Amino acid sequence: MVPNRLDQRDRICRPGEMQLNLLLSGTVLLTWLLVSDTVLLACELQARPGTEHYLRFRLDPHESTIQFEADARLHTFTGTAGKVSGLIRLPGAFPSTETEACVQIEASSLTTGIELRDERMRRSHLHTDRFPTILFTMSGVEQTEPLGSDRYTSTLRGALTLHGVTRPLTAQVKAHLTATLLEVEGKVPLRLSTYQIPIPSFLFIPMRDEVVVNFKVKAVRD
């Protein structure tokens, strides 16, 4: 019996089709992994039963400032985050252990005032092509003390994801909370080595491992 020509053509094409299918599958998998990483680092507050009536605030990127101060031994310099976003959710008009928040920074938006240094920081130290997002996720507020006039001192507890590394983080802050506005300011030290960031050097003199992050953020009621 002579094989059908269509069957012969199918047998010839199948290896190529199999390679194409494998290539497409690999592309889909890679895309899924990249998208999944972005989604995991997106600044979102997970929906939970009972939180639908909580107060919700959204960071005002034009009125919020996040900066870091670095010591290069020969001189100090300041870096500023250009693109910041965030959400805060709390059960009432008083910071509590159930308060949640997330603050996201686009890593490539960090600038220090010198373009060459900025390019080197992004490419060789923060590796922003692989780690485009800096994310702080707050899981609660502790040791809240009222100061009067809707102002408080508190300790924020959460986790910081920087350079692909996530570590616990606490920060002592001052807060001003009204029915329509939330302002939070404070500072926290960070060690570059904790987040596996190569320590930069200038004129062959390494920068200090520790930087200080200063933040003053304003959020408005959603």
N, C-alpha and C. Protein backbone atom coordinates (compact mmCIF):
# COMPACT_ATOMS: atom_id res chain seq x y z
N MET A 1 0.85 -1.20 0.00
CA MET A 1 0.00 0.00 0.00
C MET A 1 0.88 1.25 0.00
N VAL A 2 0.61 2.16 -0.93
CA VAL A 2 1.40 3.39 -1.04
C VAL A 2 0.91 4.40 -0.02
N PRO A 3 1.82 4.95 0.81
CA PRO A 3 1.40 5.93 1.82
C PRO A 3 0.77 7.15 1.16
N ASN A 4 -0.26 7.66 1.78
CA ASN A 4 -0.91 8.88 1.31
C ASN A 4 0.07 10.04 1.38
N ARG A 5 0.12 10.88 0.31
CA ARG A 5 1.06 11.99 0.26
C ARG A 5 0.84 12.97 1.42
N LEU A 6 -0.43 13.14 1.80
CA LEU A 6 -0.73 14.05 2.90
C LEU A 6 -0.13 13.53 4.20
N ASP A 7 -0.19 12.17 4.41
CA ASP A 7 0.41 11.59 5.60
C ASP A 7 1.90 11.81 5.63
N GLN A 8 2.55 11.65 4.45
CA GLN A 8 3.99 11.86 4.36
C GLN A 8 4.34 13.31 4.70
N ARG A 9 3.55 14.27 4.19
CA ARG A 9 3.82 15.67 4.47
C ARG A 9 3.64 15.96 5.96
N ASP A 10 2.63 15.35 6.57
CA ASP A 10 2.40 15.54 8.01
C ASP A 10 3.58 15.06 8.81
N ARG A 11 4.15 13.87 8.41
CA ARG A 11 5.28 13.33 9.16
C ARG A 11 6.50 14.21 9.01
N ILE A 12 6.66 14.85 7.85
CA ILE A 12 7.80 15.74 7.64
C ILE A 12 7.64 17.02 8.46
N CYS A 13 6.41 17.53 8.55
CA CYS A 13 6.19 18.82 9.21
C CYS A 13 6.15 18.69 10.73
N ARG A 14 5.79 17.52 11.24
CA ARG A 14 5.60 17.42 12.68
C ARG A 14 6.82 17.79 13.51
N PRO A 15 8.07 17.38 13.14
CA PRO A 15 9.22 17.81 13.95
C PRO A 15 9.34 19.32 14.01
N GLY A 16 9.13 19.98 12.86
CA GLY A 16 9.19 21.44 12.85
C GLY A 16 8.10 22.06 13.70
N GLU A 17 6.90 21.46 13.59
CA GLU A 17 5.80 21.97 14.40
C GLU A 17 6.09 21.78 15.87
N MET A 18 6.73 20.65 16.20
CA MET A 18 7.05 20.39 17.60
C MET A 18 8.04 21.42 18.12
N GLN A 19 9.08 21.74 17.31
CA GLN A 19 10.05 22.76 17.72
C GLN A 19 9.38 24.11 17.89
N LEU A 20 8.44 24.45 16.96
CA LEU A 20 7.73 25.71 17.05
C LEU A 20 6.88 25.77 18.32
N ASN A 21 6.21 24.65 18.61
CA ASN A 21 5.37 24.61 19.81
C ASN A 21 6.21 24.76 21.06
N LEU A 22 7.41 24.11 21.07
CA LEU A 22 8.29 24.24 22.23
C LEU A 22 8.76 25.68 22.38
N LEU A 23 9.09 26.32 21.24
CA LEU A 23 9.55 27.70 21.28
C LEU A 23 8.44 28.62 21.80
N LEU A 24 7.22 28.41 21.30
CA LEU A 24 6.10 29.22 21.74
C LEU A 24 5.81 29.00 23.22
N SER A 25 5.91 27.74 23.66
CA SER A 25 5.66 27.44 25.06
C SER A 25 6.69 28.13 25.94
N GLY A 26 7.98 28.10 25.49
CA GLY A 26 9.02 28.76 26.26
C GLY A 26 8.81 30.25 26.33
N THR A 27 8.37 30.83 25.20
CA THR A 27 8.11 32.27 25.18
C THR A 27 6.97 32.63 26.12
N VAL A 28 5.91 31.83 26.09
CA VAL A 28 4.77 32.07 26.98
C VAL A 28 5.18 31.95 28.43
N LEU A 29 6.00 30.92 28.74
CA LEU A 29 6.45 30.72 30.11
C LEU A 29 7.30 31.90 30.58
N LEU A 30 8.23 32.35 29.72
CA LEU A 30 9.09 33.48 30.09
C LEU A 30 8.25 34.73 30.31
N THR A 31 7.29 34.97 29.41
CA THR A 31 6.41 36.14 29.58
C THR A 31 5.64 36.04 30.87
N TRP A 32 5.14 34.86 31.20
CA TRP A 32 4.38 34.67 32.43
C TRP A 32 5.23 34.95 33.65
N LEU A 33 6.48 34.48 33.61
CA LEU A 33 7.37 34.71 34.75
C LEU A 33 7.65 36.19 34.93
N LEU A 34 7.89 36.90 33.81
CA LEU A 34 8.17 38.34 33.89
C LEU A 34 6.95 39.09 34.39
N VAL A 35 5.79 38.77 33.84
CA VAL A 35 4.57 39.44 34.26
C VAL A 35 4.25 39.12 35.70
N SER A 36 4.44 37.84 36.10
CA SER A 36 4.15 37.45 37.46
C SER A 36 5.01 38.21 38.44
N ASP A 37 6.30 38.41 38.12
CA ASP A 37 7.20 39.14 39.01
C ASP A 37 6.71 40.57 39.18
N THR A 38 6.26 41.17 38.06
CA THR A 38 5.76 42.54 38.15
C THR A 38 4.52 42.60 39.01
N VAL A 39 3.62 41.61 38.83
CA VAL A 39 2.39 41.59 39.61
C VAL A 39 2.67 41.41 41.08
N LEU A 40 3.61 40.53 41.41
CA LEU A 40 3.95 40.28 42.80
C LEU A 40 4.49 41.53 43.48
N LEU A 41 5.18 42.38 42.71
CA LEU A 41 5.77 43.57 43.29
C LEU A 41 4.87 44.80 43.14
N ALA A 42 3.69 44.62 42.55
CA ALA A 42 2.79 45.76 42.39
C ALA A 42 2.26 46.20 43.75
N CYS A 43 2.07 47.51 43.88
CA CYS A 43 1.59 48.06 45.14
C CYS A 43 0.08 47.90 45.22
N GLU A 44 -0.34 46.81 45.82
CA GLU A 44 -1.76 46.54 45.98
C GLU A 44 -2.02 46.03 47.39
N LEU A 45 -3.19 46.34 47.92
CA LEU A 45 -3.59 45.83 49.23
C LEU A 45 -4.58 44.69 49.01
N GLN A 46 -4.23 43.55 49.54
CA GLN A 46 -5.05 42.36 49.32
C GLN A 46 -6.41 42.51 50.00
N ALA A 47 -7.45 42.17 49.27
CA ALA A 47 -8.80 42.26 49.82
C ALA A 47 -8.98 41.22 50.93
N ARG A 48 -9.53 41.65 52.04
CA ARG A 48 -9.80 40.75 53.16
C ARG A 48 -11.20 41.02 53.69
N PRO A 49 -11.89 39.98 54.19
CA PRO A 49 -13.23 40.20 54.75
C PRO A 49 -13.20 41.23 55.88
N GLY A 50 -14.14 42.15 55.84
CA GLY A 50 -14.24 43.16 56.88
C GLY A 50 -13.52 44.45 56.58
N THR A 51 -12.73 44.48 55.50
CA THR A 51 -11.97 45.70 55.19
C THR A 51 -12.68 46.61 54.18
N GLU A 52 -13.85 46.16 53.72
CA GLU A 52 -14.53 46.96 52.69
C GLU A 52 -14.98 48.33 53.21
N HIS A 53 -15.11 48.48 54.53
CA HIS A 53 -15.53 49.76 55.09
C HIS A 53 -14.36 50.54 55.71
N TYR A 54 -13.15 50.05 55.53
CA TYR A 54 -11.98 50.75 56.08
C TYR A 54 -11.73 52.05 55.31
N LEU A 55 -11.07 53.00 55.96
CA LEU A 55 -10.65 54.22 55.28
C LEU A 55 -9.50 53.87 54.33
N ARG A 56 -9.52 54.45 53.15
CA ARG A 56 -8.51 54.14 52.14
C ARG A 56 -7.93 55.45 51.61
N PHE A 57 -6.61 55.53 51.63
CA PHE A 57 -5.91 56.73 51.17
C PHE A 57 -4.95 56.34 50.04
N ARG A 58 -4.74 57.30 49.13
CA ARG A 58 -3.82 57.07 48.01
C ARG A 58 -2.71 58.13 48.05
N LEU A 59 -1.47 57.68 47.89
CA LEU A 59 -0.33 58.58 47.94
C LEU A 59 -0.41 59.64 46.84
N ASP A 60 -0.13 60.87 47.20
CA ASP A 60 -0.05 61.95 46.23
C ASP A 60 1.41 62.04 45.78
N PRO A 61 1.73 61.62 44.55
CA PRO A 61 3.13 61.59 44.11
C PRO A 61 3.76 62.97 44.00
N HIS A 62 2.94 64.01 43.84
CA HIS A 62 3.47 65.36 43.68
C HIS A 62 3.78 66.01 45.03
N GLU A 63 3.17 65.51 46.10
CA GLU A 63 3.36 66.08 47.42
C GLU A 63 4.16 65.16 48.35
N SER A 64 4.67 64.06 47.80
CA SER A 64 5.42 63.08 48.60
C SER A 64 6.88 63.09 48.18
N THR A 65 7.76 62.97 49.16
CA THR A 65 9.20 62.99 48.90
C THR A 65 9.88 61.83 49.61
N ILE A 66 10.68 61.06 48.87
CA ILE A 66 11.49 60.00 49.44
C ILE A 66 12.92 60.20 48.94
N GLN A 67 13.85 60.35 49.88
CA GLN A 67 15.25 60.61 49.53
C GLN A 67 16.17 59.71 50.34
N PHE A 68 17.37 59.49 49.82
CA PHE A 68 18.39 58.80 50.61
C PHE A 68 19.65 59.66 50.66
N GLU A 69 20.31 59.62 51.80
CA GLU A 69 21.56 60.34 51.99
C GLU A 69 22.70 59.33 52.05
N ALA A 70 23.72 59.53 51.22
CA ALA A 70 24.84 58.60 51.14
C ALA A 70 26.14 59.33 51.45
N ASP A 71 27.04 58.62 52.07
CA ASP A 71 28.34 59.18 52.45
C ASP A 71 29.42 58.53 51.59
N ALA A 72 29.99 59.31 50.68
CA ALA A 72 31.05 58.82 49.81
C ALA A 72 32.42 59.14 50.39
N ARG A 73 32.47 59.45 51.69
CA ARG A 73 33.70 59.76 52.44
C ARG A 73 34.29 61.10 52.02
N LEU A 74 34.53 61.30 50.74
CA LEU A 74 35.03 62.59 50.29
C LEU A 74 33.93 63.64 50.29
N HIS A 75 32.68 63.18 50.12
CA HIS A 75 31.53 64.08 50.15
C HIS A 75 30.26 63.26 50.34
N THR A 76 29.19 63.93 50.71
CA THR A 76 27.89 63.27 50.81
C THR A 76 27.01 63.74 49.66
N PHE A 77 26.06 62.91 49.30
CA PHE A 77 25.13 63.30 48.25
C PHE A 77 23.75 62.74 48.57
N THR A 78 22.75 63.29 47.92
CA THR A 78 21.36 62.91 48.16
C THR A 78 20.74 62.35 46.89
N GLY A 79 20.02 61.27 47.03
CA GLY A 79 19.26 60.70 45.92
C GLY A 79 17.78 60.90 46.16
N THR A 80 17.03 61.15 45.09
CA THR A 80 15.60 61.41 45.20
C THR A 80 14.82 60.47 44.30
N ALA A 81 13.72 59.94 44.82
CA ALA A 81 12.85 59.07 44.03
C ALA A 81 11.89 59.93 43.22
N GLY A 82 11.89 59.74 41.90
CA GLY A 82 11.04 60.56 41.04
C GLY A 82 9.65 60.02 40.85
N LYS A 83 9.49 58.70 40.93
CA LYS A 83 8.17 58.09 40.70
C LYS A 83 7.79 57.23 41.90
N VAL A 84 6.81 57.72 42.66
CA VAL A 84 6.36 57.08 43.89
C VAL A 84 4.85 56.90 43.84
N SER A 85 4.38 55.77 44.32
CA SER A 85 2.94 55.54 44.44
C SER A 85 2.68 54.73 45.70
N GLY A 86 1.43 54.70 46.15
CA GLY A 86 1.16 53.94 47.36
C GLY A 86 -0.29 53.98 47.78
N LEU A 87 -0.64 53.05 48.65
CA LEU A 87 -1.99 52.93 49.18
C LEU A 87 -1.91 52.70 50.68
N ILE A 88 -2.86 53.25 51.43
CA ILE A 88 -2.95 53.02 52.87
C ILE A 88 -4.40 52.66 53.21
N ARG A 89 -4.55 51.71 54.10
CA ARG A 89 -5.89 51.30 54.52
C ARG A 89 -5.89 51.14 56.04
N LEU A 90 -6.84 51.80 56.73
CA LEU A 90 -6.91 51.69 58.17
C LEU A 90 -8.36 51.66 58.62
N PRO A 91 -8.63 51.00 59.75
CA PRO A 91 -10.02 50.76 60.16
C PRO A 91 -10.76 51.98 60.66
N GLY A 92 -10.08 53.03 61.08
CA GLY A 92 -10.76 54.21 61.59
C GLY A 92 -9.83 55.40 61.63
N ALA A 93 -10.27 56.46 62.27
CA ALA A 93 -9.50 57.70 62.30
C ALA A 93 -8.43 57.67 63.39
N PHE A 94 -7.74 56.54 63.49
CA PHE A 94 -6.66 56.38 64.47
C PHE A 94 -5.77 55.24 64.00
N PRO A 95 -4.45 55.44 63.90
CA PRO A 95 -3.55 54.37 63.45
C PRO A 95 -3.62 53.17 64.42
N SER A 96 -3.73 51.97 63.87
CA SER A 96 -3.86 50.79 64.72
C SER A 96 -3.04 49.65 64.15
N THR A 97 -3.03 48.54 64.86
CA THR A 97 -2.27 47.36 64.41
C THR A 97 -2.85 46.78 63.12
N GLU A 98 -4.07 47.16 62.77
CA GLU A 98 -4.70 46.65 61.55
C GLU A 98 -4.45 47.55 60.34
N THR A 99 -3.71 48.62 60.55
CA THR A 99 -3.39 49.51 59.43
C THR A 99 -2.45 48.81 58.46
N GLU A 100 -2.73 48.94 57.18
CA GLU A 100 -1.90 48.34 56.13
C GLU A 100 -1.53 49.40 55.10
N ALA A 101 -0.39 49.21 54.47
CA ALA A 101 0.03 50.16 53.44
C ALA A 101 1.06 49.52 52.53
N CYS A 102 1.21 50.09 51.36
CA CYS A 102 2.31 49.73 50.46
C CYS A 102 2.77 50.99 49.76
N VAL A 103 4.08 51.10 49.61
CA VAL A 103 4.68 52.23 48.91
C VAL A 103 5.64 51.67 47.87
N GLN A 104 5.50 52.14 46.65
CA GLN A 104 6.29 51.61 45.53
C GLN A 104 7.09 52.72 44.88
N ILE A 105 8.34 52.42 44.59
CA ILE A 105 9.23 53.36 43.91
C ILE A 105 9.74 52.70 42.63
N GLU A 106 9.72 53.45 41.54
CA GLU A 106 10.34 52.97 40.31
C GLU A 106 11.85 53.20 40.45
N ALA A 107 12.60 52.10 40.52
CA ALA A 107 14.03 52.21 40.85
C ALA A 107 14.79 53.09 39.87
N SER A 108 14.42 53.04 38.61
CA SER A 108 15.14 53.84 37.60
C SER A 108 14.85 55.33 37.72
N SER A 109 13.89 55.71 38.58
CA SER A 109 13.57 57.13 38.76
C SER A 109 14.44 57.78 39.83
N LEU A 110 15.33 57.00 40.50
CA LEU A 110 16.22 57.57 41.49
C LEU A 110 17.29 58.42 40.80
N THR A 111 17.45 59.65 41.26
CA THR A 111 18.45 60.54 40.69
C THR A 111 19.26 61.20 41.80
N THR A 112 20.52 61.54 41.49
CA THR A 112 21.41 62.15 42.48
C THR A 112 21.95 63.50 42.02
N GLY A 113 21.52 63.95 40.85
CA GLY A 113 21.97 65.24 40.34
C GLY A 113 23.14 65.16 39.39
N ILE A 114 23.75 63.97 39.25
CA ILE A 114 24.86 63.78 38.31
C ILE A 114 24.47 62.61 37.39
N GLU A 115 24.27 62.88 36.13
CA GLU A 115 23.74 61.88 35.21
C GLU A 115 24.64 60.66 35.10
N LEU A 116 25.96 60.85 35.01
CA LEU A 116 26.88 59.73 34.89
C LEU A 116 26.80 58.83 36.12
N ARG A 117 26.73 59.44 37.30
CA ARG A 117 26.61 58.65 38.54
C ARG A 117 25.28 57.91 38.57
N ASP A 118 24.22 58.56 38.10
CA ASP A 118 22.91 57.92 38.08
C ASP A 118 22.90 56.69 37.18
N GLU A 119 23.49 56.82 36.00
CA GLU A 119 23.54 55.69 35.07
C GLU A 119 24.31 54.52 35.67
N ARG A 120 25.42 54.83 36.32
CA ARG A 120 26.22 53.78 36.93
C ARG A 120 25.47 53.13 38.10
N MET A 121 24.77 53.93 38.89
CA MET A 121 24.00 53.41 40.01
C MET A 121 22.93 52.44 39.52
N ARG A 122 22.22 52.81 38.46
CA ARG A 122 21.15 51.96 37.95
C ARG A 122 21.70 50.69 37.31
N ARG A 123 22.79 50.84 36.54
CA ARG A 123 23.31 49.72 35.77
C ARG A 123 24.13 48.75 36.63
N SER A 124 25.02 49.27 37.48
CA SER A 124 26.00 48.42 38.15
C SER A 124 25.70 48.12 39.61
N HIS A 125 24.74 48.84 40.20
CA HIS A 125 24.50 48.66 41.63
C HIS A 125 23.05 48.28 41.93
N LEU A 126 22.10 49.02 41.42
CA LEU A 126 20.70 48.66 41.65
C LEU A 126 20.19 47.65 40.63
N HIS A 127 20.87 47.54 39.48
CA HIS A 127 20.48 46.60 38.41
C HIS A 127 18.99 46.74 38.11
N THR A 128 18.59 47.96 37.76
CA THR A 128 17.18 48.26 37.58
C THR A 128 16.55 47.51 36.41
N ASP A 129 17.37 46.99 35.48
CA ASP A 129 16.79 46.19 34.40
C ASP A 129 16.21 44.88 34.93
N ARG A 130 16.80 44.34 36.01
CA ARG A 130 16.30 43.10 36.61
C ARG A 130 15.39 43.35 37.80
N PHE A 131 15.60 44.46 38.50
CA PHE A 131 14.83 44.76 39.70
C PHE A 131 14.25 46.17 39.57
N PRO A 132 13.19 46.32 38.77
CA PRO A 132 12.68 47.66 38.46
C PRO A 132 11.90 48.33 39.58
N THR A 133 11.53 47.56 40.61
CA THR A 133 10.64 48.10 41.64
C THR A 133 11.23 47.98 43.03
N ILE A 134 11.09 49.05 43.80
CA ILE A 134 11.39 49.03 45.24
C ILE A 134 10.05 49.09 45.95
N LEU A 135 9.80 48.17 46.87
CA LEU A 135 8.46 48.06 47.46
C LEU A 135 8.54 47.91 48.97
N PHE A 136 7.83 48.79 49.67
CA PHE A 136 7.66 48.63 51.11
C PHE A 136 6.22 48.22 51.38
N THR A 137 6.04 47.11 52.06
CA THR A 137 4.71 46.64 52.43
C THR A 137 4.58 46.69 53.94
N MET A 138 3.67 47.50 54.43
CA MET A 138 3.48 47.65 55.87
C MET A 138 2.40 46.70 56.35
N SER A 139 2.70 45.97 57.42
CA SER A 139 1.75 44.99 57.95
C SER A 139 1.08 45.44 59.24
N GLY A 140 1.53 46.55 59.83
CA GLY A 140 0.89 47.01 61.05
C GLY A 140 1.59 48.21 61.66
N VAL A 141 0.94 48.78 62.67
CA VAL A 141 1.45 49.96 63.38
C VAL A 141 1.49 49.63 64.87
N GLU A 142 2.58 49.99 65.51
CA GLU A 142 2.75 49.70 66.93
C GLU A 142 3.12 50.98 67.69
N GLN A 143 2.94 50.93 69.00
CA GLN A 143 3.40 52.00 69.90
C GLN A 143 2.92 53.38 69.46
N THR A 144 1.64 53.47 69.15
CA THR A 144 1.07 54.75 68.74
C THR A 144 0.79 55.62 69.96
N GLU A 145 1.28 56.85 69.90
CA GLU A 145 1.08 57.80 71.00
C GLU A 145 0.49 59.09 70.42
N PRO A 146 -0.66 59.53 70.93
CA PRO A 146 -1.25 60.79 70.44
C PRO A 146 -0.47 62.01 70.91
N LEU A 147 -0.33 62.98 70.01
CA LEU A 147 0.35 64.23 70.33
C LEU A 147 -0.63 65.40 70.38
N GLY A 148 -1.89 65.16 70.04
CA GLY A 148 -2.89 66.21 69.97
C GLY A 148 -3.03 66.75 68.57
N SER A 149 -4.20 67.35 68.28
CA SER A 149 -4.47 67.95 66.96
C SER A 149 -4.32 66.93 65.83
N ASP A 150 -4.83 65.71 66.05
CA ASP A 150 -4.81 64.64 65.05
C ASP A 150 -3.40 64.22 64.65
N ARG A 151 -2.45 64.37 65.56
CA ARG A 151 -1.07 64.00 65.30
C ARG A 151 -0.62 62.90 66.24
N TYR A 152 0.27 62.03 65.72
CA TYR A 152 0.67 60.84 66.47
C TYR A 152 2.14 60.53 66.20
N THR A 153 2.73 59.77 67.09
CA THR A 153 3.99 59.09 66.81
C THR A 153 3.69 57.59 66.80
N SER A 154 4.33 56.88 65.90
CA SER A 154 4.07 55.44 65.77
C SER A 154 5.32 54.74 65.27
N THR A 155 5.31 53.43 65.39
CA THR A 155 6.33 52.58 64.80
C THR A 155 5.68 51.72 63.73
N LEU A 156 6.16 51.84 62.50
CA LEU A 156 5.64 51.05 61.39
C LEU A 156 6.41 49.74 61.29
N ARG A 157 5.69 48.67 61.04
CA ARG A 157 6.31 47.36 60.89
C ARG A 157 5.94 46.79 59.51
N GLY A 158 6.95 46.27 58.81
CA GLY A 158 6.66 45.70 57.50
C GLY A 158 7.88 45.06 56.89
N ALA A 159 7.94 45.08 55.55
CA ALA A 159 9.05 44.46 54.83
C ALA A 159 9.40 45.31 53.63
N LEU A 160 10.69 45.39 53.34
CA LEU A 160 11.18 46.15 52.20
C LEU A 160 11.79 45.19 51.19
N THR A 161 11.34 45.32 49.94
CA THR A 161 11.93 44.56 48.84
C THR A 161 12.76 45.52 48.00
N LEU A 162 14.07 45.29 47.98
CA LEU A 162 15.02 46.16 47.29
C LEU A 162 16.08 45.30 46.62
N HIS A 163 16.34 45.54 45.34
CA HIS A 163 17.36 44.77 44.61
C HIS A 163 17.04 43.28 44.65
N GLY A 164 15.74 42.95 44.65
CA GLY A 164 15.32 41.56 44.64
C GLY A 164 15.40 40.85 45.98
N VAL A 165 15.74 41.57 47.04
CA VAL A 165 15.89 40.99 48.38
C VAL A 165 14.83 41.59 49.30
N THR A 166 14.15 40.76 50.06
CA THR A 166 13.12 41.22 50.99
C THR A 166 13.58 41.00 52.42
N ARG A 167 13.52 42.06 53.21
CA ARG A 167 13.94 42.00 54.60
C ARG A 167 12.92 42.76 55.47
N PRO A 168 12.74 42.32 56.74
CA PRO A 168 11.86 43.06 57.66
C PRO A 168 12.37 44.48 57.87
N LEU A 169 11.45 45.39 58.10
CA LEU A 169 11.82 46.79 58.29
C LEU A 169 10.86 47.45 59.26
N THR A 170 11.40 48.20 60.20
CA THR A 170 10.58 49.02 61.10
C THR A 170 11.06 50.46 61.00
N ALA A 171 10.14 51.39 61.21
CA ALA A 171 10.48 52.81 61.12
C ALA A 171 9.63 53.59 62.11
N GLN A 172 10.25 54.48 62.84
CA GLN A 172 9.52 55.38 63.73
C GLN A 172 9.13 56.63 62.97
N VAL A 173 7.86 57.00 63.09
CA VAL A 173 7.34 58.09 62.26
C VAL A 173 6.48 59.04 63.08
N LYS A 174 6.25 60.21 62.50
CA LYS A 174 5.24 61.14 62.97
C LYS A 174 4.14 61.17 61.92
N ALA A 175 2.91 61.16 62.37
CA ALA A 175 1.78 61.11 61.45
C ALA A 175 0.75 62.18 61.78
N HIS A 176 0.10 62.68 60.74
CA HIS A 176 -1.02 63.61 60.88
C HIS A 176 -2.19 63.01 60.12
N LEU A 177 -3.26 62.69 60.82
CA LEU A 177 -4.37 61.97 60.21
C LEU A 177 -5.68 62.72 60.44
N THR A 178 -6.37 63.03 59.32
CA THR A 178 -7.71 63.60 59.39
C THR A 178 -8.64 62.71 58.56
N ALA A 179 -9.88 63.12 58.42
CA ALA A 179 -10.84 62.32 57.66
C ALA A 179 -10.50 62.27 56.17
N THR A 180 -9.71 63.23 55.68
CA THR A 180 -9.43 63.30 54.24
C THR A 180 -7.95 63.30 53.90
N LEU A 181 -7.08 63.37 54.91
CA LEU A 181 -5.65 63.52 54.64
C LEU A 181 -4.81 62.72 55.62
N LEU A 182 -3.73 62.15 55.11
CA LEU A 182 -2.77 61.44 55.95
C LEU A 182 -1.36 61.85 55.53
N GLU A 183 -0.58 62.35 56.50
CA GLU A 183 0.80 62.71 56.26
C GLU A 183 1.69 61.90 57.21
N VAL A 184 2.76 61.34 56.67
CA VAL A 184 3.68 60.53 57.47
C VAL A 184 5.10 60.95 57.13
N GLU A 185 5.92 61.15 58.16
CA GLU A 185 7.33 61.47 57.91
C GLU A 185 8.22 60.77 58.92
N GLY A 186 9.42 60.45 58.45
CA GLY A 186 10.38 59.77 59.32
C GLY A 186 11.64 59.45 58.55
N LYS A 187 12.53 58.68 59.16
CA LYS A 187 13.75 58.26 58.48
C LYS A 187 14.15 56.89 59.00
N VAL A 188 14.88 56.17 58.17
CA VAL A 188 15.30 54.82 58.53
C VAL A 188 16.65 54.53 57.88
N PRO A 189 17.60 53.95 58.61
CA PRO A 189 18.89 53.59 58.00
C PRO A 189 18.79 52.25 57.28
N LEU A 190 19.52 52.13 56.18
CA LEU A 190 19.57 50.88 55.42
C LEU A 190 21.02 50.56 55.10
N ARG A 191 21.35 49.28 55.18
CA ARG A 191 22.67 48.83 54.76
C ARG A 191 22.58 48.23 53.36
N LEU A 192 23.43 48.70 52.46
CA LEU A 192 23.43 48.19 51.10
C LEU A 192 23.72 46.70 51.07
N SER A 193 24.63 46.25 51.94
CA SER A 193 25.02 44.84 51.96
C SER A 193 23.85 43.94 52.36
N THR A 194 22.91 44.45 53.16
CA THR A 194 21.74 43.67 53.55
C THR A 194 20.92 43.28 52.33
N TYR A 195 20.92 44.14 51.32
CA TYR A 195 20.14 43.90 50.10
C TYR A 195 21.02 43.48 48.92
N GLN A 196 22.24 43.04 49.25
CA GLN A 196 23.18 42.50 48.25
C GLN A 196 23.45 43.50 47.13
N ILE A 197 23.51 44.78 47.49
CA ILE A 197 23.84 45.82 46.52
C ILE A 197 25.35 46.07 46.57
N PRO A 198 26.05 45.92 45.45
CA PRO A 198 27.48 46.22 45.44
C PRO A 198 27.73 47.66 45.88
N ILE A 199 28.67 47.86 46.79
CA ILE A 199 28.93 49.19 47.32
C ILE A 199 29.72 50.01 46.30
N PRO A 200 29.18 51.16 45.90
CA PRO A 200 29.88 51.98 44.91
C PRO A 200 31.18 52.55 45.47
N SER A 201 32.09 52.91 44.58
CA SER A 201 33.31 53.60 44.97
C SER A 201 33.52 54.80 44.07
N PHE A 202 34.10 55.85 44.62
CA PHE A 202 34.38 57.06 43.87
C PHE A 202 35.85 57.39 44.07
N LEU A 203 36.59 57.53 42.96
CA LEU A 203 38.03 57.73 43.01
C LEU A 203 38.70 56.64 43.83
N PHE A 204 38.20 55.40 43.64
CA PHE A 204 38.73 54.20 44.30
C PHE A 204 38.49 54.19 45.82
N ILE A 205 37.67 55.09 46.32
CA ILE A 205 37.33 55.10 47.74
C ILE A 205 35.89 54.62 47.88
N PRO A 206 35.65 53.50 48.57
CA PRO A 206 34.29 52.95 48.65
C PRO A 206 33.37 53.83 49.49
N MET A 207 32.13 53.87 49.07
CA MET A 207 31.11 54.58 49.81
C MET A 207 30.79 53.80 51.08
N ARG A 208 30.29 54.47 52.09
CA ARG A 208 29.89 53.76 53.31
C ARG A 208 28.72 52.83 53.02
N ASP A 209 28.67 51.73 53.76
CA ASP A 209 27.64 50.72 53.53
C ASP A 209 26.25 51.25 53.85
N GLU A 210 26.15 52.13 54.84
CA GLU A 210 24.84 52.58 55.31
C GLU A 210 24.39 53.85 54.62
N VAL A 211 23.12 53.88 54.22
CA VAL A 211 22.49 55.09 53.73
C VAL A 211 21.28 55.37 54.62
N VAL A 212 20.87 56.62 54.68
CA VAL A 212 19.71 57.01 55.49
C VAL A 212 18.60 57.45 54.56
N VAL A 213 17.44 56.81 54.69
CA VAL A 213 16.28 57.15 53.86
C VAL A 213 15.37 58.08 54.64
N ASN A 214 15.12 59.25 54.08
CA ASN A 214 14.19 60.22 54.67
C ASN A 214 12.93 60.25 53.81
N PHE A 215 11.79 60.23 54.47
CA PHE A 215 10.55 60.24 53.70
C PHE A 215 9.52 61.16 54.35
N LYS A 216 8.77 61.82 53.50
CA LYS A 216 7.63 62.63 53.92
C LYS A 216 6.58 62.46 52.85
N VAL A 217 5.58 61.66 53.17
CA VAL A 217 4.57 61.32 52.17
C VAL A 217 3.21 61.86 52.59
N LYS A 218 2.45 62.23 51.60
CA LYS A 218 1.09 62.73 51.81
C LYS A 218 0.12 61.88 51.00
N ALA A 219 -0.96 61.46 51.64
CA ALA A 219 -1.97 60.66 50.97
C ALA A 219 -3.33 61.28 51.18
N VAL A 220 -4.18 61.19 50.16
CA VAL A 220 -5.51 61.77 50.21
C VAL A 220 -6.56 60.66 50.19
N ARG A 221 -7.68 60.92 50.77
CA ARG A 221 -8.76 59.94 50.87
C ARG A 221 -9.27 59.55 49.50
N ASP A 222 -9.38 58.28 49.26
CA ASP A 222 -9.91 57.76 48.01
C ASP A 222 -11.41 58.03 47.92
